[in-house]
C-alpha atoms as a PDB file:
ATOM      1  CA  MET A   1     159.472  24.938  19.472  1.00  0.00           C
ATOM      2  CA  SER A   2     159.780  21.193  18.136  1.00  0.00           C
ATOM      3  CA  ILE A   3     161.816  22.466  15.258  1.00  0.00           C
ATOM      4  CA  ARG A   4     164.384  24.247  17.945  1.00  0.00           C
ATOM      5  CA  LYS A   5     165.213  21.996  20.152  1.00  0.00           C
ATOM      6  CA  PRO A   6     167.075  19.377  17.794  1.00  0.00           C
ATOM      7  CA  LYS A   7     169.385  22.523  16.797  1.00  0.00           C
ATOM      8  CA  ILE A   8     169.581  23.408  20.277  1.00  0.00           C
ATOM      9  CA  ARG A   9     170.774  20.222  21.313  1.00  0.00           C
ATOM     10  CA  LYS A  10     173.028  19.865  18.371  1.00  0.00           C
ATOM     11  CA  TYR A  11     174.754  22.935  18.832  1.00  0.00           C
ATOM     12  CA  TYR A  12     174.845  22.018  22.845  1.00  0.00           C
ATOM     13  CA  ARG A  13     176.588  18.948  22.104  1.00  0.00           C
ATOM     14  CA  LYS A  14     179.079  20.510  19.584  1.00  0.00           C
ATOM     15  CA  THR A  15     179.986  23.078  22.638  1.00  0.00           C
ATOM     16  CA  LEU A  16     180.198  20.195  25.285  1.00  0.00           C
ATOM     17  CA  HIS A  17     183.003  18.551  22.827  1.00  0.00           C
ATOM     18  CA  ILE A  18     184.967  21.945  22.396  1.00  0.00           C
ATOM     19  CA  LEU A  19     184.985  22.806  25.840  1.00  0.00           C
ATOM     20  CA  GLY A  20     185.914  19.397  26.836  1.00  0.00           C
ATOM     21  CA  PHE A  21     188.470  19.635  23.931  1.00  0.00           C
ATOM     22  CA  PHE A  22     189.332  23.192  25.260  1.00  0.00           C
ATOM     23  CA  PHE A  23     189.704  21.665  28.804  1.00  0.00           C
ATOM     24  CA  ILE A  24     191.826  18.677  27.997  1.00  0.00           C
ATOM     25  CA  VAL A  25     194.449  20.955  26.194  1.00  0.00           C
ATOM     26  CA  VAL A  26     194.151  23.952  28.616  1.00  0.00           C
ATOM     27  CA  LEU A  27     193.892  22.355  31.998  1.00  0.00           C
ATOM     28  CA  LYS A  28     196.688  19.715  31.727  1.00  0.00           C
ATOM     29  CA  PRO A  29     199.478  21.615  30.909  1.00  0.00           C
ATOM     30  CA  SER A  30     198.332  24.331  33.530  1.00  0.00           C
ATOM     31  CA  LEU A  31     198.387  21.553  36.154  1.00  0.00           C
ATOM     32  CA  PHE A  32     202.230  20.280  34.920  1.00  0.00           C
ATOM     33  CA  LEU A  33     202.603  23.821  35.782  1.00  0.00           C
ATOM     34  CA  VAL A  34     200.864  24.213  39.121  1.00  0.00           C
ATOM     35  CA  ALA A  35     202.683  20.997  40.312  1.00  0.00           C
ATOM     36  CA  GLY A  36     205.817  22.093  38.853  1.00  0.00           C
ATOM     37  CA  TYR A  37     205.551  25.447  40.350  1.00  0.00           C
ATOM     38  CA  LYS A  38     204.460  23.226  44.113  1.00  0.00           C
ATOM     39  CA  ILE A  39     207.639  21.361  44.084  1.00  0.00           C
ATOM     40  CA  SER A  40     210.152  24.382  43.408  1.00  0.00           C
ATOM     41  CA  MET A  41     208.353  25.677  46.111  1.00  0.00           C
ATOM     42  CA  ASN A  42     208.653  23.183  48.157  1.00  0.00           C
ATOM     43  CA  MET A  43     212.674  22.906  46.791  1.00  0.00           C
ATOM     44  CA  ASN A  44     213.074  26.750  47.665  1.00  0.00           C
ATOM     45  CA  PRO A  45     211.562  27.746  50.926  1.00  0.00           C
ATOM     46  CA  LEU A  46     213.364  30.740  50.625  1.00  0.00           C
ATOM     47  CA  VAL A  47     211.063  32.482  47.509  1.00  0.00           C
ATOM     48  CA  MET A  48     208.093  31.820  50.010  1.00  0.00           C
END
């Protein structure tokens, strides 16, 4: 157990960094798309 724990922590940190990078890369454009979609919906009430 004492040998495996540091390895698990290293992998956990790596996965956290990858997830953070993934969220920054994926969520920011998706947030911009959602904001643009909401603005377009507000501009065109006929679309709703």
